[in-house]
Amino acid sequence: MKAKEVRGKEDAELMFDVEQLEKELHGMRFRSLVDGLQNPCRIRHIRREVARIKTIINERKQGIRGQESR
């Protein structure tokens, strides 16, 4: 998901997305230890997506980039 797409969502939607991604990340980390992963770089993509969403949420809280909390 690109930053432009993330900025188009409401805060509640973003928090839900973060929760889902963190659950997926936890599951993937566990599976990587037990069975191994077919696509190990997916962990990096999930981590970056979570960071991107949290950064935009923080920008909204601080009023950076002229965006307000929704």
Protein backbone atom coordinates (compact mmCIF):
# COMPACT_ATOMS: atom_id res chain seq x y z
CA MET A 1 0.00 0.00 0.00
CA LYS A 2 1.43 3.36 -0.99
CA ALA A 3 1.49 6.41 1.29
CA LYS A 4 -1.07 8.15 -0.92
CA GLU A 5 -3.51 5.26 -0.38
CA VAL A 6 -2.87 5.29 3.37
CA ARG A 7 -3.56 9.01 3.62
CA GLY A 8 -6.95 8.46 2.00
CA LYS A 9 -8.14 6.22 4.84
CA GLU A 10 -9.69 7.10 8.18
CA ASP A 11 -7.74 6.66 11.43
CA ALA A 12 -9.94 3.77 12.56
CA GLU A 13 -9.30 1.92 9.30
CA LEU A 14 -5.58 2.48 9.67
CA MET A 15 -5.54 1.15 13.23
CA PHE A 16 -7.42 -1.94 12.08
CA ASP A 17 -4.91 -2.43 9.25
CA VAL A 18 -1.98 -2.12 11.68
CA GLU A 19 -3.51 -4.72 13.99
CA GLN A 20 -4.05 -7.15 11.11
CA LEU A 21 -0.55 -6.64 9.73
CA GLU A 22 1.03 -7.12 13.16
CA LYS A 23 -0.89 -10.38 13.61
CA GLU A 24 0.28 -11.54 10.19
CA LEU A 25 3.85 -10.56 11.02
CA HIS A 26 3.74 -12.46 14.29
CA GLY A 27 2.43 -15.55 12.52
CA MET A 28 5.06 -15.32 9.81
CA ARG A 29 7.87 -14.99 12.36
CA PHE A 30 6.62 -18.08 14.17
CA ARG A 31 6.25 -20.05 10.93
CA SER A 32 9.74 -19.04 9.83
CA LEU A 33 11.19 -20.64 12.95
CA VAL A 34 9.12 -23.81 12.71
CA ASP A 35 8.70 -24.56 9.00
CA GLY A 36 10.45 -21.87 7.01
CA LEU A 37 8.80 -19.45 4.61
CA GLN A 38 8.27 -19.54 0.88
CA ASN A 39 8.57 -15.76 0.65
CA PRO A 40 10.80 -14.50 3.50
CA CYS A 41 11.03 -10.96 2.11
CA ARG A 42 7.31 -10.55 2.90
CA ILE A 43 8.33 -9.96 6.54
CA ARG A 44 10.28 -6.87 5.50
CA HIS A 45 7.36 -5.58 3.41
CA ILE A 46 4.95 -5.99 6.31
CA ARG A 47 7.30 -4.23 8.74
CA ARG A 48 7.69 -1.31 6.36
CA GLU A 49 3.95 -1.07 5.74
CA VAL A 50 3.27 -0.98 9.50
CA ALA A 51 5.90 1.74 9.90
CA ARG A 52 4.40 3.74 7.02
CA ILE A 53 0.91 3.60 8.53
CA LYS A 54 2.12 4.50 12.02
CA THR A 55 4.12 7.43 10.62
CA ILE A 56 1.06 8.85 8.88
CA ILE A 57 -1.08 8.40 12.00
CA ASN A 58 1.59 10.25 14.00
CA GLU A 59 1.73 13.03 11.38
CA ARG A 60 -2.02 13.49 11.71
CA LYS A 61 -1.80 13.68 15.51
CA GLN A 62 0.93 16.30 15.36
CA GLY A 63 -0.69 18.28 12.55
CA ILE A 64 2.21 17.78 10.17
CA ARG A 65 1.59 18.21 6.41
CA GLY A 66 -1.65 20.06 7.05
CA GLN A 67 -3.59 16.93 7.89
CA GLU A 68 -5.87 16.63 10.85
CA SER A 69 -7.00 13.54 12.72
CA ARG A 70 -10.07 12.02 11.18
